[in-house]
Amino acid sequence: RIREWYSIHFPELDRLVLDHQAYLKLVLDLGERRKFTASAIKAVVELPDEDVERIAQAAQSSLGAPFDELDIQAIRDCAKEVFTMYEVRERMAGYIDGLMAQVAPNIRAVVGGTIGARLISLAGGLAQLAKMPASTLQVLGAEKALFRALRARAKPPKHGVIYQYPDIRGSPKWQRGKIARALAGKLTIAARVDAMSGEFVGDKLSADFKSRVANIRSRYEKPKGR
């Protein structure tokens, strides 16, 4: 909403700064587009020099409408609230990561604190997660899609919450299912170790998973039939 609103005044900034936090910080700290000089931009956010120059030049020749101080202040107030929410989310992520290091260090080592905590929450606890087979853990969080597929006799989902893991989300579609199965298998082992013995094997599980991902990417570089 802030992008849409501020684009009335400085529309070029929307395509030049894609990162939301950087965009908010520029709006919050600089306000009017006439203040978007190269030196001012560098003082607010870290961007490549060529991007800084593009923004500064766009500010000088912008086709946007003029805003008075009242308009700018209203946008700044909104930007401040959203920016604060980003900061709160980062602090909470750090807090959750610290808890996961104590409660489920192996899951954290394999998939990270945030996704690991989400899996434990969806399962109803670490003990319940440890009892799940890898196939169930793989689609945890995608229950609605799974039941819908069963009713329609369509293809079931290949992943649930674990889709947020970069190696799955950033892979081609034909590799995601295989990577998701590999990750679910390692997570199942990690959950059982965390729940039962407490021994730390997360580094080995993570290394084995990374090796499996590399193998999948080299073996299935192209989809079938191509």
Protein backbone atom coordinates (compact mmCIF):
# COMPACT_ATOMS: atom_id res chain seq x y z
CA ARG A 1 0.00 0.00 0.00
CA ILE A 2 2.88 2.35 0.79
CA ARG A 3 4.47 1.63 -2.58
CA GLU A 4 1.21 2.40 -4.33
CA TRP A 5 0.71 5.62 -2.37
CA TYR A 6 4.28 6.90 -2.63
CA SER A 7 4.40 6.04 -6.36
CA ILE A 8 2.02 8.92 -6.99
CA HIS A 9 4.89 11.18 -5.91
CA PHE A 10 7.92 9.16 -7.10
CA PRO A 11 6.75 6.32 -9.40
CA GLU A 12 10.23 5.45 -10.70
CA LEU A 13 11.42 4.35 -7.24
CA ASP A 14 9.05 1.39 -7.26
CA ARG A 15 10.92 -0.40 -10.06
CA LEU A 16 14.39 0.78 -9.02
CA VAL A 17 14.23 -0.51 -5.42
CA LEU A 18 12.67 -3.97 -5.20
CA ASP A 19 13.63 -4.76 -1.60
CA HIS A 20 10.75 -3.68 0.66
CA GLN A 21 12.88 -2.76 3.67
CA ALA A 22 15.26 -0.64 1.59
CA TYR A 23 12.27 1.08 -0.02
CA LEU A 24 10.69 1.81 3.36
CA LYS A 25 13.94 3.14 4.78
CA LEU A 26 14.40 5.53 1.86
CA VAL A 27 10.84 6.82 2.17
CA LEU A 28 11.13 7.10 5.94
CA ASP A 29 14.50 8.87 6.04
CA LEU A 30 14.34 11.03 2.89
CA GLY A 31 10.65 11.73 2.31
CA GLU A 32 10.34 14.10 -0.65
CA ARG A 33 11.90 12.98 -3.91
CA ARG A 34 13.99 16.16 -4.20
CA LYS A 35 16.02 14.86 -1.25
CA PHE A 36 17.00 11.73 -3.18
CA THR A 37 20.56 12.79 -3.98
CA ALA A 38 23.34 10.24 -4.45
CA SER A 39 25.03 11.12 -1.16
CA ALA A 40 21.73 11.03 0.78
CA ILE A 41 20.78 7.63 -0.67
CA LYS A 42 24.18 6.14 0.22
CA ALA A 43 23.81 7.38 3.78
CA VAL A 44 20.48 5.55 4.17
CA VAL A 45 20.88 2.19 2.38
CA GLU A 46 23.64 0.10 0.87
CA LEU A 47 23.12 -0.12 -2.89
CA PRO A 48 25.49 -0.49 -5.87
CA ASP A 49 26.77 2.86 -7.15
CA GLU A 50 25.01 2.43 -10.50
CA ASP A 51 21.67 1.88 -8.75
CA VAL A 52 22.22 4.95 -6.58
CA GLU A 53 22.89 7.05 -9.66
CA ARG A 54 19.77 5.75 -11.39
CA ILE A 55 17.60 6.63 -8.39
CA ALA A 56 19.14 10.10 -8.06
CA GLN A 57 18.65 10.81 -11.77
CA ALA A 58 15.09 9.49 -11.68
CA ALA A 59 14.32 11.79 -8.74
CA GLN A 60 15.45 14.82 -10.74
CA SER A 61 13.31 13.97 -13.78
CA SER A 62 10.39 12.19 -12.10
CA LEU A 63 6.92 12.41 -13.62
CA GLY A 64 5.25 12.06 -10.22
CA ALA A 65 2.90 14.56 -8.67
CA PRO A 66 4.15 17.03 -6.03
CA PHE A 67 3.39 16.20 -2.40
CA ASP A 68 3.23 18.70 0.43
CA GLU A 69 4.66 18.11 3.90
CA LEU A 70 1.32 16.78 5.20
CA ASP A 71 1.24 14.06 2.53
CA ILE A 72 4.85 13.07 3.14
CA GLN A 73 4.36 12.91 6.91
CA ALA A 74 1.31 10.63 6.55
CA ILE A 75 3.31 8.22 4.36
CA ARG A 76 6.25 8.37 6.75
CA ASP A 77 3.99 7.46 9.67
CA CYS A 78 2.76 4.38 7.80
CA ALA A 79 6.27 3.45 6.70
CA LYS A 80 7.50 3.69 10.29
CA GLU A 81 4.82 1.26 11.49
CA VAL A 82 5.64 -1.29 8.77
CA PHE A 83 9.39 -0.93 9.31
CA THR A 84 8.87 -1.55 13.02
CA MET A 85 6.99 -4.75 12.17
CA TYR A 86 9.97 -5.92 10.11
CA GLU A 87 12.25 -5.31 13.10
CA VAL A 88 9.89 -7.19 15.44
CA ARG A 89 9.79 -10.13 13.04
CA GLU A 90 13.60 -10.25 12.92
CA ARG A 91 13.82 -10.19 16.73
CA MET A 92 11.22 -12.94 17.02
CA ALA A 93 13.07 -15.03 14.42
CA GLY A 94 16.24 -14.68 16.49
CA TYR A 95 14.37 -15.64 19.66
CA ILE A 96 12.83 -18.72 18.00
CA ASP A 97 16.20 -19.72 16.57
CA GLY A 98 17.69 -19.59 20.07
CA LEU A 99 14.90 -21.77 21.47
CA MET A 100 15.33 -24.28 18.65
CA ALA A 101 19.05 -24.52 19.44
CA GLN A 102 18.06 -25.72 22.91
CA VAL A 103 14.98 -27.82 22.13
CA ALA A 104 15.65 -29.29 18.68
CA PRO A 105 19.24 -28.59 17.60
CA ASN A 106 19.27 -31.29 14.93
CA ILE A 107 16.13 -30.01 13.20
CA ARG A 108 17.57 -26.49 13.38
CA ALA A 109 20.83 -27.65 11.79
CA VAL A 110 19.00 -29.29 8.90
CA VAL A 111 16.24 -26.80 8.08
CA GLY A 112 16.78 -23.71 10.24
CA GLY A 113 15.04 -22.49 13.37
CA THR A 114 12.00 -20.80 11.80
CA ILE A 115 10.88 -23.65 9.54
CA GLY A 116 11.72 -26.22 12.21
CA ALA A 117 9.59 -24.40 14.79
CA ARG A 118 6.72 -24.22 12.31
CA LEU A 119 6.89 -27.96 11.71
CA ILE A 120 6.86 -28.69 15.45
CA SER A 121 3.88 -26.36 15.90
CA LEU A 122 1.89 -28.01 13.09
CA ALA A 123 2.67 -31.49 14.39
CA GLY A 124 1.54 -30.59 17.92
CA GLY A 125 4.94 -31.00 19.54
CA LEU A 126 8.37 -32.51 19.02
CA ALA A 127 7.28 -35.96 20.19
CA GLN A 128 4.40 -36.00 17.68
CA LEU A 129 6.71 -34.82 14.89
CA ALA A 130 9.18 -37.59 15.72
CA LYS A 131 6.44 -40.22 15.32
CA MET A 132 5.53 -39.08 11.81
CA PRO A 133 6.77 -40.94 8.75
CA ALA A 134 8.78 -38.89 6.27
CA SER A 135 5.90 -38.91 3.77
CA THR A 136 3.60 -37.19 6.27
CA LEU A 137 6.23 -34.67 7.36
CA GLN A 138 6.87 -33.82 3.71
CA VAL A 139 3.33 -32.48 3.19
CA LEU A 140 2.84 -31.08 6.70
CA GLY A 141 1.10 -27.73 6.29
CA ALA A 142 -0.53 -28.66 2.97
CA GLU A 143 -3.39 -30.74 4.36
CA LYS A 144 -6.11 -28.80 2.55
CA ALA A 145 -4.37 -29.28 -0.79
CA LEU A 146 -3.86 -32.97 -0.01
CA PHE A 147 -7.52 -33.64 0.83
CA ARG A 148 -8.65 -31.60 -2.17
CA ALA A 149 -6.42 -33.71 -4.41
CA LEU A 150 -7.78 -36.92 -2.90
CA ARG A 151 -11.37 -35.83 -3.49
CA ALA A 152 -10.67 -34.79 -7.07
CA ARG A 153 -8.34 -37.73 -7.71
CA ALA A 154 -5.67 -35.29 -8.76
CA LYS A 155 -1.94 -35.24 -8.06
CA PRO A 156 -1.21 -34.73 -4.36
CA PRO A 157 1.06 -31.87 -3.21
CA LYS A 158 4.79 -32.61 -3.10
CA HIS A 159 5.59 -30.36 -0.16
CA GLY A 160 4.04 -28.36 2.63
CA VAL A 161 5.87 -25.96 4.94
CA ILE A 162 9.25 -27.28 3.83
CA TYR A 163 8.67 -25.55 0.49
CA GLN A 164 10.00 -22.43 2.23
CA TYR A 165 13.45 -24.04 2.41
CA PRO A 166 15.67 -22.31 -0.20
CA ASP A 167 16.91 -25.51 -1.85
CA ILE A 168 13.30 -26.49 -2.60
CA ARG A 169 11.80 -23.08 -3.37
CA GLY A 170 14.73 -22.12 -5.62
CA SER A 171 14.83 -25.35 -7.62
CA PRO A 172 13.05 -26.16 -10.92
CA LYS A 173 9.65 -27.81 -10.59
CA TRP A 174 10.84 -31.22 -11.76
CA GLN A 175 13.45 -31.34 -8.97
CA ARG A 176 11.38 -30.04 -6.07
CA GLY A 177 9.58 -33.29 -5.26
CA LYS A 178 12.82 -35.26 -5.09
CA ILE A 179 14.53 -32.62 -2.95
CA ALA A 180 11.47 -32.41 -0.69
CA ARG A 181 11.56 -36.20 -0.14
CA ALA A 182 15.26 -36.05 0.68
CA LEU A 183 14.73 -33.19 3.14
CA ALA A 184 11.75 -34.90 4.79
CA GLY A 185 13.83 -38.03 5.30
CA LYS A 186 16.63 -36.13 7.04
CA LEU A 187 14.14 -34.15 9.12
CA THR A 188 12.48 -37.36 10.30
CA ILE A 189 15.82 -38.65 11.56
CA ALA A 190 16.64 -35.27 13.15
CA ALA A 191 13.26 -35.12 14.93
CA ARG A 192 13.64 -38.62 16.35
CA VAL A 193 17.16 -37.94 17.61
CA ASP A 194 16.04 -34.65 19.19
CA ALA A 195 13.05 -36.31 20.84
CA MET A 196 14.79 -39.46 22.06
CA SER A 197 18.55 -39.29 22.58
CA GLY A 198 19.50 -35.63 22.35
CA GLU A 199 22.72 -36.52 20.51
CA PHE A 200 23.82 -33.90 17.96
CA VAL A 201 24.04 -35.32 14.43
CA GLY A 202 22.68 -32.24 12.65
CA ASP A 203 25.90 -31.39 10.85
CA LYS A 204 26.15 -34.85 9.31
CA LEU A 205 22.47 -34.86 8.33
CA SER A 206 22.82 -31.43 6.75
CA ALA A 207 25.95 -32.45 4.83
CA ASP A 208 24.26 -35.65 3.59
CA PHE A 209 21.25 -33.64 2.44
CA LYS A 210 23.40 -31.09 0.59
CA SER A 211 25.20 -33.97 -1.14
CA ARG A 212 21.86 -35.49 -2.15
CA VAL A 213 20.65 -32.13 -3.52
CA ALA A 214 23.80 -31.79 -5.62
CA ASN A 215 23.25 -35.31 -6.95
CA ILE A 216 19.60 -34.58 -7.84
CA ARG A 217 20.53 -31.36 -9.63
CA SER A 218 23.21 -33.02 -11.72
CA ARG A 219 21.20 -36.16 -12.45
CA TYR A 220 17.93 -34.39 -13.24
CA GLU A 221 19.29 -31.24 -14.83
CA LYS A 222 16.50 -31.29 -17.42
CA PRO A 223 12.90 -32.51 -17.14
CA LYS A 224 11.99 -35.88 -18.57
CA GLY A 225 11.52 -35.94 -22.33
CA ARG A 226 13.96 -33.12 -23.02
